[in-house]
Amino acid sequence: MTVPRLNAPDLGNTPSTSEIITRHLRDAIIAGHFGEDEPIRQDDIARQFNVSKIPVREALKRLEAEGLVMFQRNRGAMVTRMSEPELAQMFEVRMLLEDKALRLAIPNMNEETFARAERICQEFVGENDVGRWAELNWELHACLYEPAQRPFLVNMIRSVNDKLERYLRMQMSLSAGKERADHEHREILDACRAKDVERAVRLLDEHIAGVCRTLFEHLPQTPT
């Protein structure tokens, strides 16, 4: 049976309803509008978007796969809470993956890489929106790793950074975190420009470890 020709719009590049809801919920969780362990009421979200609960549940399932929410029996979807040991492991994974990416990338870096990185650094310094700091932070790191020509590795690094983004926002807004990040980024960039792989990797490790340490100093203490 031949399918009749339909006058259908091209939906190839149009985000689905669940994708739109996913993006809004992800941004809200990362920005701290939902607290850790706070339930996300599917009825409320569906009402706000004027949709059924089906695309909301699809969105929450995507966020569960990203590690931002978890489903609990009789409670529904909850914003995840990371313990200090879990956060420490995430930063450890960051080091392992990002060290490898940087080692592979430095030999392939060129003036276009460095010019792009400098532009991102300049935008980062002049940006007053806390929400943009973490985005620009990732843009800079991605700029340094993309010359490795390992898209799967860079996507893995992005996935880890997405899980940590709400904590990175917190860290950069405290204890001159933005200024420190800018200084350390420029040191790493200088080492990359000099093709000094060992120094660049050492500086990157110190940068990631410093972020983790500062974050732990300001995390609220969990009652025992």
N, C-alpha and C. Protein backbone atom coordinates (compact mmCIF):
# COMPACT_ATOMS: atom_id res chain seq x y z
N MET A 1 0.85 -1.20 0.00
CA MET A 1 0.00 0.00 0.00
C MET A 1 0.88 1.24 0.00
N THR A 2 0.62 2.15 -0.91
CA THR A 2 1.41 3.38 -1.02
C THR A 2 0.92 4.40 0.00
N VAL A 3 1.87 4.97 0.74
CA VAL A 3 1.52 6.01 1.70
C VAL A 3 1.22 7.29 0.95
N PRO A 4 0.07 7.92 1.20
CA PRO A 4 -0.26 9.15 0.47
C PRO A 4 0.70 10.27 0.82
N ARG A 5 0.93 11.12 -0.17
CA ARG A 5 1.80 12.28 0.03
C ARG A 5 1.11 13.27 0.95
N LEU A 6 1.77 13.61 2.06
CA LEU A 6 1.20 14.54 3.03
C LEU A 6 1.87 15.90 2.93
N ASN A 7 1.09 16.92 3.15
CA ASN A 7 1.65 18.28 3.18
C ASN A 7 2.19 18.54 4.59
N ALA A 8 3.25 17.82 4.92
CA ALA A 8 3.78 17.87 6.29
C ALA A 8 4.98 18.79 6.36
N PRO A 9 5.10 19.56 7.45
CA PRO A 9 6.28 20.41 7.62
C PRO A 9 7.51 19.57 7.89
N ASP A 10 8.68 20.12 7.59
CA ASP A 10 9.93 19.44 7.87
C ASP A 10 10.24 19.57 9.36
N LEU A 11 10.13 18.45 10.09
CA LEU A 11 10.37 18.46 11.53
C LEU A 11 11.77 17.96 11.89
N GLY A 12 12.61 17.79 10.86
CA GLY A 12 13.93 17.22 11.10
C GLY A 12 14.75 17.97 12.12
N ASN A 13 14.67 19.30 12.09
CA ASN A 13 15.47 20.11 13.00
C ASN A 13 14.63 20.79 14.07
N THR A 14 13.37 20.38 14.20
CA THR A 14 12.49 20.99 15.18
C THR A 14 12.55 20.18 16.47
N PRO A 15 12.88 20.82 17.59
CA PRO A 15 12.93 20.06 18.85
C PRO A 15 11.55 19.59 19.24
N SER A 16 11.47 18.38 19.78
CA SER A 16 10.20 17.85 20.23
C SER A 16 9.79 18.54 21.53
N THR A 17 8.53 18.34 21.91
CA THR A 17 8.04 18.92 23.17
C THR A 17 8.87 18.45 24.34
N SER A 18 9.18 17.15 24.37
CA SER A 18 9.96 16.63 25.50
C SER A 18 11.37 17.21 25.53
N GLU A 19 11.95 17.49 24.34
CA GLU A 19 13.29 18.09 24.30
C GLU A 19 13.26 19.51 24.86
N ILE A 20 12.20 20.25 24.52
CA ILE A 20 12.07 21.63 25.03
C ILE A 20 11.92 21.61 26.55
N ILE A 21 11.08 20.71 27.05
CA ILE A 21 10.88 20.60 28.50
C ILE A 21 12.17 20.15 29.18
N THR A 22 12.88 19.21 28.55
CA THR A 22 14.16 18.75 29.10
C THR A 22 15.11 19.92 29.27
N ARG A 23 15.23 20.74 28.24
CA ARG A 23 16.15 21.87 28.28
C ARG A 23 15.79 22.85 29.40
N HIS A 24 14.50 23.16 29.54
CA HIS A 24 14.08 24.10 30.58
C HIS A 24 14.31 23.53 31.98
N LEU A 25 13.99 22.25 32.15
CA LEU A 25 14.19 21.63 33.47
C LEU A 25 15.68 21.52 33.79
N ARG A 26 16.49 21.15 32.80
CA ARG A 26 17.93 21.05 33.01
C ARG A 26 18.49 22.40 33.46
N ASP A 27 18.10 23.47 32.75
CA ASP A 27 18.59 24.80 33.11
C ASP A 27 18.16 25.19 34.52
N ALA A 28 16.91 24.83 34.88
CA ALA A 28 16.40 25.18 36.21
C ALA A 28 17.14 24.43 37.31
N ILE A 29 17.45 23.16 37.06
CA ILE A 29 18.18 22.38 38.07
C ILE A 29 19.60 22.91 38.22
N ILE A 30 20.27 23.16 37.09
CA ILE A 30 21.65 23.65 37.13
C ILE A 30 21.72 25.01 37.80
N ALA A 31 20.71 25.86 37.56
CA ALA A 31 20.70 27.20 38.15
C ALA A 31 20.31 27.18 39.63
N GLY A 32 19.89 26.00 40.13
CA GLY A 32 19.55 25.90 41.55
C GLY A 32 18.12 26.26 41.88
N HIS A 33 17.26 26.39 40.84
CA HIS A 33 15.85 26.70 41.11
C HIS A 33 15.13 25.53 41.77
N PHE A 34 15.64 24.33 41.51
CA PHE A 34 15.20 23.14 42.25
C PHE A 34 16.34 22.74 43.17
N GLY A 35 16.03 22.54 44.43
CA GLY A 35 17.06 22.13 45.38
C GLY A 35 17.32 20.64 45.32
N GLU A 36 18.46 20.22 45.86
CA GLU A 36 18.77 18.80 45.93
C GLU A 36 17.72 18.08 46.77
N ASP A 37 17.33 16.90 46.33
CA ASP A 37 16.31 16.08 46.98
C ASP A 37 14.91 16.65 46.84
N GLU A 38 14.75 17.74 46.09
CA GLU A 38 13.42 18.33 45.93
C GLU A 38 12.66 17.58 44.84
N PRO A 39 11.39 17.23 45.09
CA PRO A 39 10.60 16.54 44.06
C PRO A 39 10.23 17.48 42.92
N ILE A 40 10.16 16.93 41.73
CA ILE A 40 9.69 17.66 40.55
C ILE A 40 8.31 17.12 40.21
N ARG A 41 7.28 17.90 40.47
CA ARG A 41 5.90 17.45 40.31
C ARG A 41 5.52 17.46 38.83
N GLN A 42 5.26 16.27 38.30
CA GLN A 42 4.94 16.16 36.88
C GLN A 42 3.67 16.92 36.53
N ASP A 43 2.70 16.89 37.42
CA ASP A 43 1.45 17.62 37.16
C ASP A 43 1.71 19.12 37.02
N ASP A 44 2.54 19.66 37.92
CA ASP A 44 2.83 21.10 37.89
C ASP A 44 3.56 21.48 36.61
N ILE A 45 4.54 20.66 36.23
CA ILE A 45 5.31 20.97 35.02
C ILE A 45 4.41 20.87 33.79
N ALA A 46 3.59 19.84 33.72
CA ALA A 46 2.68 19.68 32.59
C ALA A 46 1.73 20.86 32.48
N ARG A 47 1.27 21.34 33.64
CA ARG A 47 0.35 22.48 33.65
C ARG A 47 1.05 23.75 33.14
N GLN A 48 2.31 23.94 33.55
CA GLN A 48 3.03 25.14 33.12
C GLN A 48 3.26 25.15 31.61
N PHE A 49 3.53 23.96 31.04
CA PHE A 49 3.78 23.88 29.60
C PHE A 49 2.50 23.59 28.80
N ASN A 50 1.40 23.41 29.51
CA ASN A 50 0.12 23.14 28.87
C ASN A 50 0.20 21.89 27.99
N VAL A 51 0.76 20.81 28.58
CA VAL A 51 0.89 19.54 27.87
C VAL A 51 0.41 18.41 28.79
N SER A 52 0.34 17.21 28.23
CA SER A 52 0.04 16.05 29.05
C SER A 52 1.29 15.67 29.85
N LYS A 53 1.16 14.70 30.73
CA LYS A 53 2.31 14.27 31.53
C LYS A 53 3.30 13.42 30.75
N ILE A 54 2.89 12.95 29.56
CA ILE A 54 3.76 12.05 28.79
C ILE A 54 5.08 12.72 28.39
N PRO A 55 5.08 13.90 27.74
CA PRO A 55 6.38 14.52 27.40
C PRO A 55 7.17 14.94 28.64
N VAL A 56 6.47 15.26 29.73
CA VAL A 56 7.17 15.61 30.97
C VAL A 56 7.93 14.40 31.49
N ARG A 57 7.26 13.26 31.48
CA ARG A 57 7.92 12.04 31.95
C ARG A 57 9.11 11.68 31.04
N GLU A 58 8.94 11.86 29.73
CA GLU A 58 10.05 11.61 28.81
C GLU A 58 11.23 12.53 29.13
N ALA A 59 10.93 13.78 29.43
CA ALA A 59 11.99 14.74 29.77
C ALA A 59 12.70 14.32 31.05
N LEU A 60 11.94 13.90 32.04
CA LEU A 60 12.54 13.49 33.31
C LEU A 60 13.38 12.23 33.14
N LYS A 61 12.97 11.34 32.25
CA LYS A 61 13.77 10.14 31.98
C LYS A 61 15.11 10.51 31.35
N ARG A 62 15.09 11.52 30.49
CA ARG A 62 16.35 11.98 29.89
C ARG A 62 17.26 12.57 30.97
N LEU A 63 16.67 13.35 31.85
CA LEU A 63 17.46 13.95 32.92
C LEU A 63 17.95 12.90 33.90
N GLU A 64 17.19 11.82 34.06
CA GLU A 64 17.66 10.71 34.89
C GLU A 64 18.91 10.08 34.27
N ALA A 65 18.90 9.91 32.94
CA ALA A 65 20.06 9.35 32.25
C ALA A 65 21.28 10.26 32.38
N GLU A 66 21.04 11.57 32.52
CA GLU A 66 22.14 12.52 32.68
C GLU A 66 22.60 12.62 34.13
N GLY A 67 21.88 11.96 35.04
CA GLY A 67 22.27 11.98 36.44
C GLY A 67 21.77 13.18 37.22
N LEU A 68 20.83 13.94 36.64
CA LEU A 68 20.33 15.13 37.33
C LEU A 68 19.10 14.84 38.19
N VAL A 69 18.34 13.80 37.83
CA VAL A 69 17.19 13.42 38.66
C VAL A 69 17.20 11.91 38.85
N MET A 70 16.47 11.45 39.83
CA MET A 70 16.28 10.02 40.03
C MET A 70 14.85 9.78 40.47
N PHE A 71 14.31 8.64 40.07
CA PHE A 71 12.94 8.29 40.44
C PHE A 71 12.96 7.46 41.71
N GLN A 72 12.15 7.87 42.68
CA GLN A 72 12.04 7.14 43.93
C GLN A 72 10.60 6.65 44.10
N ARG A 73 10.49 5.47 44.64
CA ARG A 73 9.17 4.86 44.82
C ARG A 73 8.30 5.75 45.71
N ASN A 74 7.10 5.97 45.28
CA ASN A 74 6.08 6.76 46.00
C ASN A 74 6.43 8.25 46.10
N ARG A 75 7.54 8.67 45.49
CA ARG A 75 7.90 10.09 45.55
C ARG A 75 8.08 10.70 44.17
N GLY A 76 8.22 9.87 43.16
CA GLY A 76 8.41 10.38 41.81
C GLY A 76 9.83 10.83 41.56
N ALA A 77 9.98 11.82 40.68
CA ALA A 77 11.30 12.31 40.28
C ALA A 77 11.83 13.30 41.32
N MET A 78 13.08 13.08 41.72
CA MET A 78 13.73 13.95 42.70
C MET A 78 15.04 14.46 42.11
N VAL A 79 15.39 15.70 42.43
CA VAL A 79 16.70 16.22 42.04
C VAL A 79 17.77 15.47 42.83
N THR A 80 18.78 14.98 42.12
CA THR A 80 19.80 14.17 42.78
C THR A 80 20.69 15.00 43.69
N ARG A 81 21.18 14.35 44.72
CA ARG A 81 22.17 14.94 45.61
C ARG A 81 23.45 14.12 45.50
N MET A 82 24.56 14.80 45.31
CA MET A 82 25.85 14.11 45.26
C MET A 82 26.54 14.23 46.60
N SER A 83 27.00 13.11 47.10
CA SER A 83 27.79 13.13 48.34
C SER A 83 29.21 13.60 48.01
N GLU A 84 29.96 13.97 49.04
CA GLU A 84 31.34 14.40 48.82
C GLU A 84 32.18 13.31 48.15
N PRO A 85 32.07 12.04 48.59
CA PRO A 85 32.84 11.00 47.88
C PRO A 85 32.46 10.88 46.41
N GLU A 86 31.17 11.03 46.09
CA GLU A 86 30.75 10.96 44.69
C GLU A 86 31.31 12.13 43.89
N LEU A 87 31.27 13.33 44.49
CA LEU A 87 31.83 14.49 43.81
C LEU A 87 33.33 14.32 43.59
N ALA A 88 34.03 13.81 44.59
CA ALA A 88 35.47 13.59 44.48
C ALA A 88 35.77 12.64 43.32
N GLN A 89 34.96 11.59 43.18
CA GLN A 89 35.17 10.65 42.09
C GLN A 89 34.92 11.30 40.74
N MET A 90 33.90 12.18 40.68
CA MET A 90 33.61 12.86 39.42
C MET A 90 34.79 13.74 39.01
N PHE A 91 35.38 14.44 39.97
CA PHE A 91 36.54 15.28 39.64
C PHE A 91 37.74 14.42 39.26
N GLU A 92 37.87 13.26 39.90
CA GLU A 92 38.94 12.34 39.53
C GLU A 92 38.79 11.88 38.09
N VAL A 93 37.56 11.56 37.70
CA VAL A 93 37.29 11.15 36.31
C VAL A 93 37.58 12.31 35.36
N ARG A 94 37.21 13.52 35.76
CA ARG A 94 37.54 14.70 34.95
C ARG A 94 39.03 14.75 34.67
N MET A 95 39.83 14.59 35.70
CA MET A 95 41.29 14.65 35.53
C MET A 95 41.78 13.61 34.53
N LEU A 96 41.33 12.37 34.73
CA LEU A 96 41.79 11.28 33.87
C LEU A 96 41.44 11.54 32.40
N LEU A 97 40.20 11.93 32.15
CA LEU A 97 39.75 12.14 30.77
C LEU A 97 40.35 13.40 30.16
N GLU A 98 40.38 14.48 30.94
CA GLU A 98 40.84 15.75 30.38
C GLU A 98 42.35 15.76 30.19
N ASP A 99 43.10 15.08 31.06
CA ASP A 99 44.54 14.94 30.85
C ASP A 99 44.81 14.27 29.51
N LYS A 100 44.10 13.18 29.26
CA LYS A 100 44.30 12.42 28.00
C LYS A 100 43.96 13.28 26.80
N ALA A 101 42.83 13.99 26.87
CA ALA A 101 42.42 14.83 25.75
C ALA A 101 43.44 15.93 25.47
N LEU A 102 43.93 16.55 26.54
CA LEU A 102 44.89 17.66 26.35
C LEU A 102 46.20 17.15 25.76
N ARG A 103 46.67 16.00 26.24
CA ARG A 103 47.91 15.42 25.70
C ARG A 103 47.78 15.17 24.19
N LEU A 104 46.62 14.65 23.79
CA LEU A 104 46.41 14.36 22.38
C LEU A 104 46.20 15.63 21.56
N ALA A 105 45.66 16.67 22.20
CA ALA A 105 45.29 17.89 21.46
C ALA A 105 46.47 18.82 21.19
N ILE A 106 47.37 18.96 22.15
CA ILE A 106 48.42 19.99 22.05
C ILE A 106 49.21 19.91 20.74
N PRO A 107 49.64 18.72 20.29
CA PRO A 107 50.40 18.69 19.02
C PRO A 107 49.61 19.21 17.82
N ASN A 108 48.28 19.19 17.89
CA ASN A 108 47.45 19.61 16.77
C ASN A 108 46.94 21.05 16.90
N MET A 109 47.28 21.72 17.98
CA MET A 109 46.80 23.10 18.17
C MET A 109 47.51 24.04 17.20
N ASN A 110 46.75 25.05 16.75
CA ASN A 110 47.32 26.05 15.84
C ASN A 110 46.88 27.44 16.27
N GLU A 111 47.24 28.43 15.49
CA GLU A 111 46.91 29.81 15.85
C GLU A 111 45.41 30.06 15.92
N GLU A 112 44.65 29.34 15.12
CA GLU A 112 43.19 29.47 15.17
C GLU A 112 42.68 28.99 16.54
N THR A 113 43.25 27.88 17.04
CA THR A 113 42.88 27.37 18.37
C THR A 113 43.14 28.43 19.43
N PHE A 114 44.34 29.01 19.38
CA PHE A 114 44.72 29.97 20.42
C PHE A 114 43.92 31.27 20.32
N ALA A 115 43.63 31.71 19.10
CA ALA A 115 42.83 32.93 18.93
C ALA A 115 41.42 32.72 19.47
N ARG A 116 40.84 31.54 19.19
CA ARG A 116 39.49 31.24 19.71
C ARG A 116 39.51 31.18 21.23
N ALA A 117 40.53 30.53 21.78
CA ALA A 117 40.64 30.43 23.24
C ALA A 117 40.78 31.81 23.89
N GLU A 118 41.55 32.68 23.27
CA GLU A 118 41.72 34.04 23.79
C GLU A 118 40.40 34.80 23.78
N ARG A 119 39.63 34.64 22.71
CA ARG A 119 38.33 35.31 22.64
C ARG A 119 37.40 34.84 23.75
N ILE A 120 37.42 33.53 24.01
CA ILE A 120 36.57 33.00 25.08
C ILE A 120 37.02 33.53 26.43
N CYS A 121 38.34 33.60 26.65
CA CYS A 121 38.87 34.15 27.91
C CYS A 121 38.42 35.60 28.10
N GLN A 122 38.48 36.37 27.03
CA GLN A 122 38.07 37.78 27.12
C GLN A 122 36.59 37.91 27.42
N GLU A 123 35.78 37.08 26.79
CA GLU A 123 34.34 37.11 27.06
C GLU A 123 34.05 36.69 28.49
N PHE A 124 34.79 35.69 28.96
CA PHE A 124 34.62 35.20 30.33
C PHE A 124 34.89 36.31 31.34
N VAL A 125 35.97 37.05 31.14
CA VAL A 125 36.35 38.13 32.06
C VAL A 125 35.28 39.22 32.10
N GLY A 126 34.71 39.55 30.94
CA GLY A 126 33.74 40.64 30.88
C GLY A 126 32.31 40.24 31.18
N GLU A 127 32.06 38.95 31.42
CA GLU A 127 30.69 38.46 31.63
C GLU A 127 30.29 38.58 33.10
N ASN A 128 29.13 39.18 33.34
CA ASN A 128 28.62 39.33 34.70
C ASN A 128 27.53 38.34 35.05
N ASP A 129 27.04 37.61 34.07
CA ASP A 129 25.97 36.64 34.30
C ASP A 129 26.60 35.33 34.78
N VAL A 130 26.29 34.96 36.02
CA VAL A 130 26.85 33.74 36.61
C VAL A 130 26.52 32.53 35.75
N GLY A 131 25.31 32.52 35.18
CA GLY A 131 24.90 31.40 34.36
C GLY A 131 25.80 31.19 33.14
N ARG A 132 26.36 32.29 32.62
CA ARG A 132 27.23 32.19 31.45
C ARG A 132 28.64 31.75 31.82
N TRP A 133 29.05 31.93 33.07
CA TRP A 133 30.42 31.57 33.45
C TRP A 133 30.70 30.11 33.19
N ALA A 134 29.79 29.23 33.64
CA ALA A 134 30.01 27.80 33.46
C ALA A 134 29.97 27.43 31.98
N GLU A 135 29.11 28.10 31.20
CA GLU A 135 29.04 27.82 29.77
C GLU A 135 30.35 28.19 29.08
N LEU A 136 30.87 29.37 29.42
CA LEU A 136 32.13 29.81 28.82
C LEU A 136 33.30 28.97 29.31
N ASN A 137 33.23 28.53 30.56
CA ASN A 137 34.26 27.64 31.09
C ASN A 137 34.32 26.37 30.24
N TRP A 138 33.15 25.79 29.94
CA TRP A 138 33.14 24.59 29.12
C TRP A 138 33.62 24.90 27.70
N GLU A 139 33.20 26.03 27.13
CA GLU A 139 33.63 26.39 25.78
C GLU A 139 35.15 26.45 25.68
N LEU A 140 35.79 26.99 26.72
CA LEU A 140 37.25 27.08 26.70
C LEU A 140 37.88 25.70 26.77
N HIS A 141 37.41 24.88 27.72
CA HIS A 141 37.96 23.54 27.84
C HIS A 141 37.74 22.75 26.54
N ALA A 142 36.55 22.86 25.96
CA ALA A 142 36.27 22.15 24.71
C ALA A 142 37.18 22.62 23.58
N CYS A 143 37.43 23.93 23.56
CA CYS A 143 38.33 24.50 22.55
C CYS A 143 39.72 23.86 22.63
N LEU A 144 40.17 23.59 23.85
CA LEU A 144 41.50 23.00 24.04
C LEU A 144 41.52 21.50 23.76
N TYR A 145 40.37 20.83 23.87
CA TYR A 145 40.35 19.38 23.70
C TYR A 145 39.97 18.94 22.29
N GLU A 146 39.24 19.79 21.56
CA GLU A 146 38.77 19.39 20.23
C GLU A 146 39.89 19.06 19.25
N PRO A 147 41.06 19.74 19.32
CA PRO A 147 42.15 19.35 18.41
C PRO A 147 42.65 17.92 18.61
N ALA A 148 42.27 17.28 19.70
CA ALA A 148 42.64 15.88 19.90
C ALA A 148 42.00 14.98 18.86
N GLN A 149 40.94 15.47 18.21
CA GLN A 149 40.21 14.70 17.19
C GLN A 149 39.68 13.38 17.76
N ARG A 150 39.15 13.50 18.97
CA ARG A 150 38.54 12.35 19.66
C ARG A 150 37.15 12.78 20.14
N PRO A 151 36.18 12.89 19.22
CA PRO A 151 34.86 13.40 19.60
C PRO A 151 34.18 12.56 20.68
N PHE A 152 34.38 11.25 20.68
CA PHE A 152 33.77 10.41 21.71
C PHE A 152 34.33 10.77 23.08
N LEU A 153 35.63 10.97 23.16
CA LEU A 153 36.28 11.35 24.42
C LEU A 153 35.78 12.71 24.88
N VAL A 154 35.69 13.68 23.97
CA VAL A 154 35.21 15.02 24.33
C VAL A 154 33.76 14.96 24.79
N ASN A 155 32.94 14.11 24.16
CA ASN A 155 31.55 13.97 24.60
C ASN A 155 31.46 13.37 25.99
N MET A 156 32.35 12.43 26.30
CA MET A 156 32.39 11.87 27.66
C MET A 156 32.75 12.96 28.67
N ILE A 157 33.72 13.78 28.34
CA ILE A 157 34.11 14.88 29.22
C ILE A 157 32.95 15.85 29.41
N ARG A 158 32.23 16.13 28.33
CA ARG A 158 31.08 17.03 28.40
C ARG A 158 30.01 16.45 29.33
N SER A 159 29.80 15.15 29.24
CA SER A 159 28.80 14.51 30.09
C SER A 159 29.15 14.66 31.57
N VAL A 160 30.41 14.49 31.91
CA VAL A 160 30.84 14.66 33.30
C VAL A 160 30.66 16.11 33.73
N ASN A 161 31.04 17.04 32.86
CA ASN A 161 30.91 18.46 33.20
C ASN A 161 29.45 18.87 33.36
N ASP A 162 28.56 18.29 32.56
CA ASP A 162 27.14 18.59 32.71
C ASP A 162 26.64 18.20 34.09
N LYS A 163 27.09 17.05 34.57
CA LYS A 163 26.66 16.58 35.90
C LYS A 163 27.20 17.49 37.01
N LEU A 164 28.33 18.14 36.74
CA LEU A 164 28.96 18.98 37.76
C LEU A 164 28.62 20.46 37.62
N GLU A 165 27.89 20.83 36.56
CA GLU A 165 27.75 22.26 36.24
C GLU A 165 27.14 23.07 37.37
N ARG A 166 26.13 22.53 38.05
CA ARG A 166 25.49 23.32 39.12
C ARG A 166 26.48 23.57 40.25
N TYR A 167 27.40 22.62 40.49
CA TYR A 167 28.41 22.80 41.52
C TYR A 167 29.50 23.76 41.05
N LEU A 168 29.83 23.73 39.75
CA LEU A 168 30.83 24.64 39.22
C LEU A 168 30.33 26.08 39.28
N ARG A 169 29.03 26.27 39.03
CA ARG A 169 28.47 27.62 39.16
C ARG A 169 28.65 28.14 40.59
N MET A 170 28.37 27.25 41.54
CA MET A 170 28.51 27.63 42.94
C MET A 170 29.97 27.98 43.24
N GLN A 171 30.90 27.14 42.79
CA GLN A 171 32.31 27.35 43.10
C GLN A 171 32.81 28.66 42.49
N MET A 172 32.42 28.94 41.25
CA MET A 172 32.93 30.15 40.60
C MET A 172 32.35 31.43 41.18
N SER A 173 31.21 31.33 41.86
CA SER A 173 30.60 32.52 42.46
C SER A 173 31.13 32.79 43.87
N LEU A 174 32.00 31.91 44.37
CA LEU A 174 32.54 32.04 45.71
C LEU A 174 34.06 32.18 45.68
N SER A 175 34.60 32.86 46.68
CA SER A 175 36.05 32.92 46.89
C SER A 175 36.82 33.31 45.64
N ALA A 176 36.36 34.33 44.95
CA ALA A 176 37.04 34.82 43.74
C ALA A 176 37.26 33.70 42.73
N GLY A 177 36.31 32.78 42.67
CA GLY A 177 36.46 31.62 41.78
C GLY A 177 36.58 32.00 40.32
N LYS A 178 35.86 33.04 39.90
CA LYS A 178 35.94 33.46 38.50
C LYS A 178 37.32 33.98 38.16
N GLU A 179 37.87 34.85 39.01
CA GLU A 179 39.19 35.43 38.76
C GLU A 179 40.27 34.35 38.77
N ARG A 180 40.16 33.43 39.72
CA ARG A 180 41.14 32.35 39.79
C ARG A 180 41.07 31.48 38.54
N ALA A 181 39.83 31.17 38.10
CA ALA A 181 39.67 30.35 36.91
C ALA A 181 40.30 31.02 35.69
N ASP A 182 40.09 32.33 35.55
CA ASP A 182 40.66 33.05 34.41
C ASP A 182 42.18 32.98 34.43
N HIS A 183 42.78 33.24 35.61
CA HIS A 183 44.24 33.19 35.73
C HIS A 183 44.78 31.80 35.37
N GLU A 184 44.13 30.76 35.89
CA GLU A 184 44.60 29.39 35.65
C GLU A 184 44.38 28.99 34.19
N HIS A 185 43.28 29.41 33.61
CA HIS A 185 43.03 29.11 32.19
C HIS A 185 44.13 29.71 31.31
N ARG A 186 44.53 30.93 31.62
CA ARG A 186 45.54 31.60 30.79
C ARG A 186 46.91 30.92 30.97
N GLU A 187 47.20 30.44 32.17
CA GLU A 187 48.45 29.70 32.37
C GLU A 187 48.46 28.41 31.55
N ILE A 188 47.34 27.70 31.56
CA ILE A 188 47.24 26.47 30.76
C ILE A 188 47.39 26.79 29.28
N LEU A 189 46.75 27.87 28.85
CA LEU A 189 46.81 28.27 27.44
C LEU A 189 48.24 28.62 27.04
N ASP A 190 48.98 29.31 27.92
CA ASP A 190 50.38 29.65 27.63
C ASP A 190 51.22 28.39 27.46
N ALA A 191 50.99 27.40 28.33
CA ALA A 191 51.75 26.14 28.23
C ALA A 191 51.40 25.40 26.93
N CYS A 192 50.13 25.45 26.54
CA CYS A 192 49.73 24.82 25.28
C CYS A 192 50.39 25.51 24.10
N ARG A 193 50.43 26.83 24.14
CA ARG A 193 51.04 27.58 23.05
C ARG A 193 52.53 27.24 22.92
N ALA A 194 53.17 27.01 24.07
CA ALA A 194 54.59 26.64 24.08
C ALA A 194 54.81 25.17 23.76
N LYS A 195 53.72 24.43 23.55
CA LYS A 195 53.79 22.98 23.28
C LYS A 195 54.44 22.22 24.44
N ASP A 196 54.32 22.77 25.64
CA ASP A 196 54.87 22.12 26.83
C ASP A 196 53.78 21.22 27.42
N VAL A 197 53.72 20.00 26.94
CA VAL A 197 52.63 19.09 27.30
C VAL A 197 52.60 18.80 28.79
N GLU A 198 53.76 18.48 29.37
CA GLU A 198 53.80 18.11 30.78
C GLU A 198 53.37 19.26 31.68
N ARG A 199 53.82 20.45 31.38
CA ARG A 199 53.42 21.62 32.20
C ARG A 199 51.93 21.89 32.04
N ALA A 200 51.43 21.80 30.81
CA ALA A 200 50.01 22.05 30.58
C ALA A 200 49.14 21.06 31.35
N VAL A 201 49.52 19.79 31.33
CA VAL A 201 48.75 18.77 32.04
C VAL A 201 48.84 18.97 33.55
N ARG A 202 50.03 19.33 34.03
CA ARG A 202 50.18 19.58 35.48
C ARG A 202 49.31 20.76 35.91
N LEU A 203 49.30 21.83 35.11
CA LEU A 203 48.47 22.99 35.43
C LEU A 203 46.98 22.64 35.38
N LEU A 204 46.60 21.81 34.42
CA LEU A 204 45.21 21.38 34.32
C LEU A 204 44.81 20.58 35.55
N ASP A 205 45.68 19.67 36.00
CA ASP A 205 45.40 18.88 37.20
C ASP A 205 45.23 19.78 38.41
N GLU A 206 46.13 20.76 38.55
CA GLU A 206 46.05 21.69 39.69
C GLU A 206 44.77 22.51 39.61
N HIS A 207 44.38 22.89 38.41
CA HIS A 207 43.15 23.66 38.21
C HIS A 207 41.92 22.87 38.65
N ILE A 208 41.81 21.63 38.18
CA ILE A 208 40.65 20.79 38.52
C ILE A 208 40.64 20.48 40.01
N ALA A 209 41.82 20.14 40.56
CA ALA A 209 41.90 19.83 41.99
C ALA A 209 41.54 21.05 42.84
N GLY A 210 41.94 22.23 42.40
CA GLY A 210 41.62 23.46 43.13
C GLY A 210 40.13 23.75 43.14
N VAL A 211 39.47 23.52 42.01
CA VAL A 211 38.02 23.70 41.93
C VAL A 211 37.33 22.77 42.92
N CYS A 212 37.77 21.51 42.93
CA CYS A 212 37.18 20.52 43.83
C CYS A 212 37.39 20.93 45.29
N ARG A 213 38.58 21.35 45.62
CA ARG A 213 38.91 21.73 47.00
C ARG A 213 38.08 22.93 47.46
N THR A 214 38.00 23.96 46.61
CA THR A 214 37.23 25.15 46.97
C THR A 214 35.75 24.83 47.13
N LEU A 215 35.26 23.97 46.26
CA LEU A 215 33.85 23.57 46.34
C LEU A 215 33.56 22.88 47.67
N PHE A 216 34.41 21.96 48.06
CA PHE A 216 34.21 21.23 49.31
C PHE A 216 34.23 22.17 50.51
N GLU A 217 35.04 23.23 50.43
CA GLU A 217 35.12 24.19 51.54
C GLU A 217 33.81 24.93 51.74
N HIS A 218 32.99 25.01 50.69
CA HIS A 218 31.76 25.81 50.76
C HIS A 218 30.48 24.99 50.68
N LEU A 219 30.61 23.67 50.51
CA LEU A 219 29.41 22.86 50.51
C LEU A 219 28.77 22.85 51.88
N PRO A 220 27.46 22.93 51.94
CA PRO A 220 26.80 22.81 53.26
C PRO A 220 27.05 21.43 53.84
N GLN A 221 27.27 21.39 55.14
CA GLN A 221 27.56 20.13 55.80
C GLN A 221 26.28 19.31 55.93
N THR A 222 26.38 18.05 55.50
CA THR A 222 25.23 17.15 55.62
C THR A 222 25.15 16.63 57.05
N PRO A 223 23.97 16.73 57.69
CA PRO A 223 23.86 16.23 59.05
C PRO A 223 24.15 14.75 59.13
N THR A 224 24.85 14.33 60.18
CA THR A 224 25.17 12.92 60.38
C THR A 224 24.19 12.30 61.35
